[in-house]
Amino acid sequence: MAESTVWWLMAGTVIAVELLTGTFYLLMLSLGLVGAAIAAHLGATVPTQLVVAAMLGGGLVVAWRSYKKHQPPALPAGANRDVNLDIGETLLVEAWNEDGPSTAKYRGALWNVSLRAGTVSTPGLHRIVEVVGSRLVVEKL
């Protein structure tokens, strides 16, 4: 069996394991194995193929880790506009109860509404900042 075939089989195996586990770093390692397979096709020696696999796969893992480290953390699902399209929408709160929460009509139904911590309870237009179950957390516009 040709050396490049072994590298391609290892790359395919790592990709299959990645699909089963969902570990994105395995995709980076599989790219290193693909690089070694290409080096084998170009006639590189086995030690050179190993160095290509290690340097390319390891370098991509380090690069991806560095990239992810510098990204802001994801918002929780209840406050993430990508997950919940109600975030950022406005609604009218006509009055607040004395104990804090209120109800407001939003999307044709009555919703329980509470204020974000540190926000003053005044009637008027409010922006939805989070959805917790069937309760909308809002802040004054």
C-alpha atoms as a PDB file:
ATOM      1  CA  MET A   1       0.000   0.000   0.000  1.00  0.00           C
ATOM      2  CA  ALA A   2       1.358   3.431  -0.903  1.00  0.00           C
ATOM      3  CA  GLU A   3       2.365   5.821   1.877  1.00  0.00           C
ATOM      4  CA  SER A   4      -0.083   8.456   0.626  1.00  0.00           C
ATOM      5  CA  THR A   5      -2.938   5.943   0.890  1.00  0.00           C
ATOM      6  CA  VAL A   6      -2.124   5.349   4.551  1.00  0.00           C
ATOM      7  CA  TRP A   7      -2.189   9.110   5.198  1.00  0.00           C
ATOM      8  CA  TRP A   8      -5.530   9.479   3.370  1.00  0.00           C
ATOM      9  CA  LEU A   9      -7.026   6.599   5.391  1.00  0.00           C
ATOM     10  CA  MET A  10      -5.814   8.163   8.654  1.00  0.00           C
ATOM     11  CA  ALA A  11      -7.260  11.547   7.619  1.00  0.00           C
ATOM     12  CA  GLY A  12     -10.610   9.906   6.821  1.00  0.00           C
ATOM     13  CA  THR A  13     -10.607   8.075  10.155  1.00  0.00           C
ATOM     14  CA  VAL A  14      -9.907  11.264  12.091  1.00  0.00           C
ATOM     15  CA  ILE A  15     -12.710  13.041  10.220  1.00  0.00           C
ATOM     16  CA  ALA A  16     -15.101  10.185  11.047  1.00  0.00           C
ATOM     17  CA  VAL A  17     -14.143  10.400  14.733  1.00  0.00           C
ATOM     18  CA  GLU A  18     -14.675  14.173  14.588  1.00  0.00           C
ATOM     19  CA  LEU A  19     -18.178  13.659  13.206  1.00  0.00           C
ATOM     20  CA  LEU A  20     -18.954  11.321  16.092  1.00  0.00           C
ATOM     21  CA  THR A  21     -17.524  13.577  18.812  1.00  0.00           C
ATOM     22  CA  GLY A  22     -17.985  17.096  17.427  1.00  0.00           C
ATOM     23  CA  THR A  23     -14.430  18.101  18.349  1.00  0.00           C
ATOM     24  CA  PHE A  24     -13.453  20.775  15.858  1.00  0.00           C
ATOM     25  CA  TYR A  25      -9.774  20.390  16.729  1.00  0.00           C
ATOM     26  CA  LEU A  26      -9.768  16.964  15.091  1.00  0.00           C
ATOM     27  CA  LEU A  27     -10.526  18.667  11.775  1.00  0.00           C
ATOM     28  CA  MET A  28      -7.345  20.701  12.205  1.00  0.00           C
ATOM     29  CA  LEU A  29      -5.369  17.517  12.862  1.00  0.00           C
ATOM     30  CA  SER A  30      -6.926  15.862   9.822  1.00  0.00           C
ATOM     31  CA  LEU A  31      -5.701  18.764   7.690  1.00  0.00           C
ATOM     32  CA  GLY A  32      -2.209  17.959   8.937  1.00  0.00           C
ATOM     33  CA  LEU A  33      -2.708  14.363   7.801  1.00  0.00           C
ATOM     34  CA  VAL A  34      -3.919  15.596   4.416  1.00  0.00           C
ATOM     35  CA  GLY A  35      -0.767  17.715   4.169  1.00  0.00           C
ATOM     36  CA  ALA A  36       1.325  14.598   4.842  1.00  0.00           C
ATOM     37  CA  ALA A  37      -0.581  12.700   2.138  1.00  0.00           C
ATOM     38  CA  ILE A  38       0.141  15.464  -0.344  1.00  0.00           C
ATOM     39  CA  ALA A  39       3.803  15.427   0.709  1.00  0.00           C
ATOM     40  CA  ALA A  40       3.826  11.662   0.069  1.00  0.00           C
ATOM     41  CA  HIS A  41       2.348  12.251  -3.400  1.00  0.00           C
ATOM     42  CA  LEU A  42       5.161  14.731  -4.064  1.00  0.00           C
ATOM     43  CA  GLY A  43       7.744  12.107  -3.136  1.00  0.00           C
ATOM     44  CA  ALA A  44       8.799  13.337   0.319  1.00  0.00           C
ATOM     45  CA  THR A  45      10.457  10.905   2.706  1.00  0.00           C
ATOM     46  CA  VAL A  46       8.561   9.422   5.664  1.00  0.00           C
ATOM     47  CA  PRO A  47      10.320  11.670   8.239  1.00  0.00           C
ATOM     48  CA  THR A  48       9.397  14.711   6.126  1.00  0.00           C
ATOM     49  CA  GLN A  49       5.799  13.506   5.910  1.00  0.00           C
ATOM     50  CA  LEU A  50       5.690  13.152   9.709  1.00  0.00           C
ATOM     51  CA  VAL A  51       7.094  16.654  10.170  1.00  0.00           C
ATOM     52  CA  VAL A  52       4.524  18.068   7.711  1.00  0.00           C
ATOM     53  CA  ALA A  53       1.670  16.312   9.546  1.00  0.00           C
ATOM     54  CA  ALA A  54       2.876  17.476  12.960  1.00  0.00           C
ATOM     55  CA  MET A  55       3.684  21.050  11.970  1.00  0.00           C
ATOM     56  CA  LEU A  56       0.565  21.629   9.866  1.00  0.00           C
ATOM     57  CA  GLY A  57      -1.884  19.878  12.217  1.00  0.00           C
ATOM     58  CA  GLY A  58      -0.324  21.285  15.386  1.00  0.00           C
ATOM     59  CA  GLY A  59       0.025  24.746  13.897  1.00  0.00           C
ATOM     60  CA  LEU A  60      -3.621  24.799  12.863  1.00  0.00           C
ATOM     61  CA  VAL A  61      -4.717  23.664  16.338  1.00  0.00           C
ATOM     62  CA  VAL A  62      -2.655  26.445  17.952  1.00  0.00           C
ATOM     63  CA  ALA A  63      -3.962  29.011  15.450  1.00  0.00           C
ATOM     64  CA  TRP A  64      -7.593  27.980  16.009  1.00  0.00           C
ATOM     65  CA  ARG A  65      -7.141  28.027  19.796  1.00  0.00           C
ATOM     66  CA  SER A  66      -5.622  31.507  19.602  1.00  0.00           C
ATOM     67  CA  TYR A  67      -8.480  32.703  17.388  1.00  0.00           C
ATOM     68  CA  LYS A  68     -11.150  31.331  19.740  1.00  0.00           C
ATOM     69  CA  LYS A  69      -9.370  32.801  22.773  1.00  0.00           C
ATOM     70  CA  HIS A  70      -9.654  36.301  21.327  1.00  0.00           C
ATOM     71  CA  GLN A  71     -13.366  36.005  20.480  1.00  0.00           C
ATOM     72  CA  PRO A  72     -15.925  37.436  22.919  1.00  0.00           C
ATOM     73  CA  PRO A  73     -17.815  34.773  24.880  1.00  0.00           C
ATOM     74  CA  ALA A  74     -21.191  33.781  23.468  1.00  0.00           C
ATOM     75  CA  LEU A  75     -24.283  35.179  25.144  1.00  0.00           C
ATOM     76  CA  PRO A  76     -26.607  32.736  26.879  1.00  0.00           C
ATOM     77  CA  ALA A  77     -29.417  31.507  24.618  1.00  0.00           C
ATOM     78  CA  GLY A  78     -32.048  33.617  26.415  1.00  0.00           C
ATOM     79  CA  ALA A  79     -30.167  36.847  25.637  1.00  0.00           C
ATOM     80  CA  ASN A  80     -28.709  35.931  22.237  1.00  0.00           C
ATOM     81  CA  ARG A  81     -30.407  37.555  19.224  1.00  0.00           C
ATOM     82  CA  ASP A  82     -29.041  34.762  16.997  1.00  0.00           C
ATOM     83  CA  VAL A  83     -31.083  32.235  19.002  1.00  0.00           C
ATOM     84  CA  ASN A  84     -34.130  34.276  20.023  1.00  0.00           C
ATOM     85  CA  LEU A  85     -35.449  36.870  17.566  1.00  0.00           C
ATOM     86  CA  ASP A  86     -37.461  38.632  20.301  1.00  0.00           C
ATOM     87  CA  ILE A  87     -34.254  40.132  21.731  1.00  0.00           C
ATOM     88  CA  GLY A  88     -34.040  43.809  20.787  1.00  0.00           C
ATOM     89  CA  GLU A  89     -37.735  44.159  19.969  1.00  0.00           C
ATOM     90  CA  THR A  90     -39.802  46.819  21.720  1.00  0.00           C
ATOM     91  CA  LEU A  91     -43.041  46.619  23.646  1.00  0.00           C
ATOM     92  CA  LEU A  92     -45.247  49.017  25.569  1.00  0.00           C
ATOM     93  CA  VAL A  93     -45.559  48.532  29.318  1.00  0.00           C
ATOM     94  CA  GLU A  94     -48.540  50.611  30.438  1.00  0.00           C
ATOM     95  CA  ALA A  95     -48.031  50.190  34.196  1.00  0.00           C
ATOM     96  CA  TRP A  96     -45.792  48.316  36.632  1.00  0.00           C
ATOM     97  CA  ASN A  97     -47.109  46.396  39.621  1.00  0.00           C
ATOM     98  CA  GLU A  98     -46.046  47.586  43.069  1.00  0.00           C
ATOM     99  CA  ASP A  99     -44.098  44.367  43.682  1.00  0.00           C
ATOM    100  CA  GLY A 100     -42.093  44.747  40.458  1.00  0.00           C
ATOM    101  CA  PRO A 101     -43.267  42.597  37.527  1.00  0.00           C
ATOM    102  CA  SER A 102     -45.937  43.516  35.027  1.00  0.00           C
ATOM    103  CA  THR A 103     -47.768  42.127  32.036  1.00  0.00           C
ATOM    104  CA  ALA A 104     -47.684  43.512  28.514  1.00  0.00           C
ATOM    105  CA  LYS A 105     -49.225  42.621  25.204  1.00  0.00           C
ATOM    106  CA  TYR A 106     -46.571  41.384  22.795  1.00  0.00           C
ATOM    107  CA  ARG A 107     -47.093  39.406  19.565  1.00  0.00           C
ATOM    108  CA  GLY A 108     -50.811  39.148  20.250  1.00  0.00           C
ATOM    109  CA  ALA A 109     -50.530  37.620  23.727  1.00  0.00           C
ATOM    110  CA  LEU A 110     -50.048  38.747  27.314  1.00  0.00           C
ATOM    111  CA  TRP A 111     -46.513  38.178  28.589  1.00  0.00           C
ATOM    112  CA  ASN A 112     -45.041  38.453  32.052  1.00  0.00           C
ATOM    113  CA  VAL A 113     -42.508  41.273  32.027  1.00  0.00           C
ATOM    114  CA  SER A 114     -39.766  42.090  34.515  1.00  0.00           C
ATOM    115  CA  LEU A 115     -37.124  44.781  34.586  1.00  0.00           C
ATOM    116  CA  ARG A 116     -33.429  44.233  34.048  1.00  0.00           C
ATOM    117  CA  ALA A 117     -31.524  44.781  37.295  1.00  0.00           C
ATOM    118  CA  GLY A 118     -30.781  48.438  37.911  1.00  0.00           C
ATOM    119  CA  THR A 119     -33.568  49.743  35.669  1.00  0.00           C
ATOM    120  CA  VAL A 120     -36.236  52.135  36.952  1.00  0.00           C
ATOM    121  CA  SER A 121     -39.840  50.951  36.619  1.00  0.00           C
ATOM    122  CA  THR A 122     -41.532  53.618  34.549  1.00  0.00           C
ATOM    123  CA  PRO A 123     -44.299  53.027  32.021  1.00  0.00           C
ATOM    124  CA  GLY A 124     -43.576  53.419  28.337  1.00  0.00           C
ATOM    125  CA  LEU A 125     -41.611  51.720  25.577  1.00  0.00           C
ATOM    126  CA  HIS A 126     -39.119  49.065  26.638  1.00  0.00           C
ATOM    127  CA  ARG A 127     -36.613  46.908  24.765  1.00  0.00           C
ATOM    128  CA  ILE A 128     -36.489  43.147  25.338  1.00  0.00           C
ATOM    129  CA  VAL A 129     -33.004  42.141  26.523  1.00  0.00           C
ATOM    130  CA  GLU A 130     -33.647  38.540  27.578  1.00  0.00           C
ATOM    131  CA  VAL A 131     -36.307  35.845  27.500  1.00  0.00           C
ATOM    132  CA  VAL A 132     -36.490  33.579  30.551  1.00  0.00           C
ATOM    133  CA  GLY A 133     -39.129  30.903  29.999  1.00  0.00           C
ATOM    134  CA  SER A 134     -42.342  32.836  29.383  1.00  0.00           C
ATOM    135  CA  ARG A 135     -41.043  36.023  31.002  1.00  0.00           C
ATOM    136  CA  LEU A 136     -39.578  38.947  29.086  1.00  0.00           C
ATOM    137  CA  VAL A 137     -36.778  40.887  30.742  1.00  0.00           C
ATOM    138  CA  VAL A 138     -36.819  44.477  29.514  1.00  0.00           C
ATOM    139  CA  GLU A 139     -35.033  47.795  29.870  1.00  0.00           C
ATOM    140  CA  LYS A 140     -36.379  51.298  29.338  1.00  0.00           C
ATOM    141  CA  LEU A 141     -35.669  52.879  25.959  1.00  0.00           C
END
